[in-house]
Amino acid sequence: MSPSSAVKSKGQAILARAELYAERRLICGVHFRSDIVAGEAFGTAIAVQLMQNADFQKENAAAAAELAAAHLR
């Protein structure tokens, strides 16, 4: 999955944290491995659809500009 442009610089850290949380939920017995795999696939499918949506692209660009103006990007 490709992070949005608003948080592209943080993308790998966000995905690593998500993976860590998923593994912890597996260890705690809250999820099965198949739950994690299905969640990753579903999240990727949603992200692909969002990245192709003009309204989302506009909102994402505005968020990126806001972060840049605040010197957070």
Protein backbone atom coordinates (compact mmCIF):
# COMPACT_ATOMS: atom_id res chain seq x y z
CA MET A 1 0.00 0.00 0.00
CA SER A 2 1.26 3.46 -0.81
CA PRO A 3 0.81 6.16 1.85
CA SER A 4 -0.98 9.35 0.87
CA SER A 5 1.12 12.37 -0.08
CA ALA A 6 0.16 14.10 3.18
CA VAL A 7 2.06 11.52 5.23
CA LYS A 8 4.36 9.91 2.64
CA SER A 9 7.45 10.65 4.73
CA LYS A 10 5.87 8.78 7.65
CA GLY A 11 4.45 5.93 5.56
CA GLN A 12 6.96 3.24 6.47
CA ALA A 13 6.75 4.08 10.18
CA ILE A 14 2.94 3.97 10.09
CA LEU A 15 2.91 0.62 8.30
CA ALA A 16 5.52 -0.81 10.71
CA ARG A 17 3.41 0.29 13.70
CA ALA A 18 0.30 -1.28 12.16
CA GLU A 19 2.18 -4.54 11.67
CA LEU A 20 3.37 -4.47 15.28
CA TYR A 21 -0.18 -3.91 16.55
CA ALA A 22 -1.47 -6.74 14.37
CA GLU A 23 1.19 -9.13 15.68
CA ARG A 24 0.38 -8.21 19.28
CA ARG A 25 -3.31 -8.88 18.71
CA LEU A 26 -2.33 -12.28 17.29
CA ILE A 27 -0.15 -13.06 20.32
CA CYS A 28 -2.94 -12.01 22.71
CA GLY A 29 -5.36 -14.33 20.94
CA VAL A 30 -7.63 -11.50 19.79
CA HIS A 31 -7.15 -12.33 16.09
CA PHE A 32 -6.16 -15.22 13.88
CA ARG A 33 -3.46 -14.82 11.20
CA SER A 34 -6.23 -14.91 8.57
CA ASP A 35 -7.86 -11.86 10.23
CA ILE A 36 -4.62 -9.92 9.85
CA VAL A 37 -4.11 -10.96 6.23
CA ALA A 38 -7.72 -10.11 5.38
CA GLY A 39 -7.41 -6.72 7.10
CA GLU A 40 -4.26 -5.91 5.13
CA ALA A 41 -5.95 -6.86 1.86
CA PHE A 42 -9.09 -4.88 2.69
CA GLY A 43 -7.05 -1.83 3.73
CA THR A 44 -5.07 -1.98 0.52
CA ALA A 45 -8.23 -2.23 -1.60
CA ILE A 46 -9.74 0.77 0.19
CA ALA A 47 -6.53 2.79 -0.24
CA VAL A 48 -6.40 2.01 -3.97
CA GLN A 49 -10.00 3.18 -4.39
CA LEU A 50 -9.40 6.35 -2.35
CA MET A 51 -6.29 7.28 -4.30
CA GLN A 52 -8.38 7.18 -7.50
CA ASN A 53 -11.14 9.37 -6.04
CA ALA A 54 -10.97 13.04 -7.13
CA ASP A 55 -12.59 14.32 -3.92
CA PHE A 56 -10.12 12.40 -1.78
CA GLN A 57 -7.21 13.66 -3.88
CA LYS A 58 -8.38 17.24 -3.31
CA GLU A 59 -8.74 16.72 0.45
CA ASN A 60 -5.39 14.95 0.60
CA ALA A 61 -3.66 17.81 -1.22
CA ALA A 62 -5.25 20.31 1.18
CA ALA A 63 -4.06 18.27 4.16
CA ALA A 64 -0.54 18.08 2.72
CA ALA A 65 -0.51 21.87 2.21
CA GLU A 66 -1.72 22.41 5.78
CA LEU A 67 1.02 20.17 7.16
CA ALA A 68 3.63 21.94 5.04
CA ALA A 69 2.41 25.36 6.23
CA ALA A 70 2.76 24.17 9.82
CA HIS A 71 6.28 22.86 9.02
CA LEU A 72 5.17 19.33 9.91
CA ARG A 73 5.92 17.86 6.50
